[in-house]
Amino acid sequence: MVETSRDCSWLPDYEQVLAGKTYFLRDYCNLKESAWARGRVILADRGVETIFTEFCRRYPEPKLYPNLEAWSSQVQYFSTEKIAELARSSPQHIWLSSATTMTGCAALNPEHRHIVGMLDYVAVAAGSAFNAGYYGIQLCRVVGDCTNLFDHEIARFYGGCVYENKTLLARLRAEGCDRGAFGHGSL
């Protein structure tokens, strides 16, 4: 199911891809099946539940999800308190949040920094439930005292495809950051 776009710019061309709102669930499943998520549990918060409800349930695409309930059963939602508890137990989780919940003007919300600091990866679903805007799921590597996750975006899941930030991945490999898999292999 995952198609990696290796021979193009690392960010999708939104004008050409034109992924509908209904691709959110497919992008979630691609994130879940990616090398980065291998052996990790994805912790989706209530902001993502709102995006899922607004995007996938309101605008279902039968050819993408012939059985929407089976696809949607793959997504588990957690409260922020439960995510903090699970993050304390192990960094082997990926927090998937909505852009409005996780960030404000791209900077990490201060009340979430302590949770993010316990994890290796955070994913942000960007889009608006109120218009046609959807920008995929951005997977970010948590580095040090990170205040702007998007400076560390290693991949974007959009329109059923995966767009890798090859420049950042090469730099992380060169720095010997080997706390997990990067791309479709390990460092």
Protein backbone atom coordinates (compact mmCIF):
# COMPACT_ATOMS: atom_id res chain seq x y z
CA MET A 1 0.00 0.00 0.00
CA VAL A 2 2.81 2.47 0.79
CA GLU A 3 4.28 4.22 -2.22
CA THR A 4 7.48 6.10 -1.48
CA SER A 5 8.23 9.08 -3.66
CA ARG A 6 12.01 8.87 -3.89
CA ASP A 7 12.69 10.68 -7.16
CA CYS A 8 10.88 13.94 -6.57
CA SER A 9 10.99 16.92 -4.27
CA TRP A 10 10.52 15.77 -0.71
CA LEU A 11 7.34 17.78 -0.23
CA PRO A 12 4.27 16.83 -2.23
CA ASP A 13 3.00 19.11 -4.95
CA TYR A 14 -0.43 19.85 -3.54
CA GLU A 15 -1.68 21.23 -6.85
CA GLN A 16 -0.90 17.98 -8.66
CA VAL A 17 -1.68 15.40 -5.99
CA LEU A 18 -5.06 16.86 -5.03
CA ALA A 19 -5.60 14.32 -2.27
CA GLY A 20 -9.11 14.51 -0.93
CA LYS A 21 -10.00 14.70 2.71
CA THR A 22 -10.74 11.00 2.60
CA TYR A 23 -7.04 10.13 2.25
CA PHE A 24 -6.41 10.87 5.93
CA LEU A 25 -7.17 7.29 6.99
CA ARG A 26 -4.98 5.83 4.22
CA ASP A 27 -2.15 8.17 5.26
CA TYR A 28 -2.61 7.01 8.86
CA CYS A 29 -2.35 3.37 7.76
CA ASN A 30 0.77 4.17 5.70
CA LEU A 31 2.35 5.82 8.75
CA LYS A 32 1.46 2.76 10.83
CA GLU A 33 3.10 0.44 8.26
CA SER A 34 6.21 2.59 7.75
CA ALA A 35 9.72 1.71 8.90
CA TRP A 36 9.58 4.56 11.42
CA ALA A 37 6.56 3.04 13.19
CA ARG A 38 7.96 -0.48 13.22
CA GLY A 39 7.49 -1.85 16.74
CA ARG A 40 5.79 1.33 17.96
CA VAL A 41 2.24 2.09 18.99
CA ILE A 42 0.62 5.14 17.44
CA LEU A 43 -1.24 7.17 20.05
CA ALA A 44 -3.88 9.27 18.33
CA ASP A 45 -5.44 11.99 20.44
CA ARG A 46 -8.95 13.45 20.39
CA GLY A 47 -7.92 16.15 17.90
CA VAL A 48 -7.19 13.40 15.39
CA GLU A 49 -10.54 11.82 16.18
CA THR A 50 -12.17 15.09 15.13
CA ILE A 51 -10.19 15.15 11.87
CA PHE A 52 -11.07 11.53 11.18
CA THR A 53 -14.75 12.16 11.84
CA GLU A 54 -14.82 15.30 9.72
CA PHE A 55 -12.69 13.96 6.86
CA CYS A 56 -13.32 10.25 6.47
CA ARG A 57 -16.78 9.74 7.87
CA ARG A 58 -18.32 12.85 6.36
CA TYR A 59 -16.74 12.38 2.91
CA PRO A 60 -16.38 8.59 2.53
CA GLU A 61 -14.73 7.34 -0.65
CA PRO A 62 -16.03 3.81 -1.30
CA LYS A 63 -13.18 2.81 -3.61
CA LEU A 64 -10.60 3.79 -0.96
CA TYR A 65 -12.42 2.16 1.95
CA PRO A 66 -14.94 -0.46 0.87
CA ASN A 67 -15.27 -1.35 4.55
CA LEU A 68 -14.78 1.91 6.43
CA GLU A 69 -15.45 0.33 9.82
CA ALA A 70 -12.64 -2.23 9.37
CA TRP A 71 -10.19 0.52 8.39
CA SER A 72 -11.28 2.85 11.16
CA SER A 73 -11.00 0.13 13.81
CA GLN A 74 -7.21 0.34 13.34
CA VAL A 75 -7.17 3.79 14.95
CA GLN A 76 -7.06 4.00 18.76
CA TYR A 77 -7.71 7.32 20.50
CA PHE A 78 -6.21 8.40 23.82
CA SER A 79 -6.56 11.36 26.14
CA THR A 80 -3.54 13.63 26.55
CA GLU A 81 -3.16 12.34 30.13
CA LYS A 82 -3.02 8.72 28.91
CA ILE A 83 -0.52 9.67 26.20
CA ALA A 84 1.70 11.26 28.87
CA GLU A 85 1.45 8.10 31.00
CA LEU A 86 2.34 5.84 28.07
CA ALA A 87 5.20 8.12 26.97
CA ARG A 88 6.67 7.93 30.49
CA SER A 89 6.65 4.14 30.26
CA SER A 90 8.54 4.02 26.94
CA PRO A 91 9.67 6.29 24.09
CA GLN A 92 8.50 3.54 21.71
CA HIS A 93 5.29 5.39 20.89
CA ILE A 94 4.39 7.92 18.24
CA TRP A 95 2.01 10.65 19.33
CA LEU A 96 -0.31 11.53 16.45
CA SER A 97 -2.07 14.82 17.03
CA SER A 98 -3.81 17.45 15.00
CA ALA A 99 -1.92 20.60 14.12
CA THR A 100 -4.33 22.71 16.15
CA THR A 101 -3.90 20.54 19.26
CA MET A 102 -0.13 20.08 19.07
CA THR A 103 1.07 23.41 17.75
CA GLY A 104 0.20 27.03 17.60
CA CYS A 105 1.79 28.94 14.70
CA ALA A 106 4.18 25.96 14.19
CA ALA A 107 5.68 26.29 17.69
CA LEU A 108 5.02 23.46 20.11
CA ASN A 109 2.37 24.25 22.71
CA PRO A 110 4.18 24.64 26.06
CA GLU A 111 1.85 22.22 27.88
CA HIS A 112 2.85 19.45 25.44
CA ARG A 113 6.64 19.88 25.57
CA HIS A 114 7.10 17.52 28.51
CA ILE A 115 5.26 14.74 26.66
CA VAL A 116 7.07 15.35 23.38
CA GLY A 117 10.41 15.33 25.22
CA MET A 118 9.81 11.71 26.27
CA LEU A 119 9.29 10.47 22.70
CA ASP A 120 11.44 9.84 19.63
CA TYR A 121 8.77 10.74 17.06
CA VAL A 122 5.66 12.89 16.88
CA ALA A 123 3.24 12.98 13.96
CA VAL A 124 1.00 15.92 13.17
CA ALA A 125 -2.10 15.67 11.00
CA ALA A 126 -2.51 19.00 9.26
CA GLY A 127 -5.75 20.10 7.76
CA SER A 128 -8.98 21.89 8.39
CA ALA A 129 -12.27 20.21 9.01
CA PHE A 130 -14.01 23.37 7.85
CA ASN A 131 -12.70 23.61 4.30
CA ALA A 132 -11.05 21.44 1.68
CA GLY A 133 -7.54 21.98 3.06
CA TYR A 134 -5.65 18.81 3.97
CA TYR A 135 -1.86 18.66 4.09
CA GLY A 136 -1.22 15.12 5.21
CA ILE A 137 0.49 13.68 8.25
CA GLN A 138 3.89 15.12 9.07
CA LEU A 139 6.28 12.78 10.93
CA CYS A 140 8.81 14.70 13.01
CA ARG A 141 11.88 13.46 14.84
CA VAL A 142 12.09 14.85 18.36
CA VAL A 143 15.54 16.39 18.74
CA GLY A 144 16.78 17.88 22.02
CA ASP A 145 14.65 20.62 23.52
CA CYS A 146 12.46 20.85 20.44
CA THR A 147 10.14 23.86 20.24
CA ASN A 148 9.31 23.72 16.51
CA LEU A 149 8.57 20.19 15.38
CA PHE A 150 8.43 21.14 11.72
CA ASP A 151 12.16 21.92 11.69
CA HIS A 152 12.62 18.16 12.14
CA GLU A 153 10.04 16.79 9.69
CA ILE A 154 11.48 13.58 8.25
CA ALA A 155 8.52 12.46 6.17
CA ARG A 156 5.08 13.48 5.01
CA PHE A 157 2.28 11.02 4.37
CA TYR A 158 -0.05 12.55 1.82
CA GLY A 159 -2.49 11.25 -0.74
CA GLY A 160 -1.51 7.62 -0.13
CA CYS A 161 2.20 8.35 -0.75
CA VAL A 162 5.22 8.89 1.49
CA TYR A 163 7.52 11.86 0.86
CA GLU A 164 10.87 11.55 2.62
CA ASN A 165 13.01 14.53 3.64
CA LYS A 166 16.19 13.05 2.17
CA THR A 167 18.40 15.97 3.24
CA LEU A 168 17.42 15.70 6.91
CA LEU A 169 17.60 11.90 6.87
CA ALA A 170 21.13 12.03 5.40
CA ARG A 171 22.19 14.51 8.09
CA LEU A 172 20.74 12.33 10.86
CA ARG A 173 22.56 9.30 9.44
CA ALA A 174 25.83 11.26 9.29
CA GLU A 175 25.37 12.35 12.91
CA GLY A 176 24.87 8.72 13.92
CA CYS A 177 21.34 9.16 15.24
CA ASP A 178 20.48 5.49 15.28
CA ARG A 179 17.53 5.37 17.69
CA GLY A 180 15.23 3.76 15.16
CA ALA A 181 14.70 3.16 11.51
CA PHE A 182 14.88 6.01 9.04
CA GLY A 183 13.21 5.60 5.68
CA HIS A 184 12.93 2.10 4.32
CA GLY A 185 15.98 0.76 6.04
CA SER A 186 17.96 1.59 9.12
CA LEU A 187 20.81 4.02 9.45
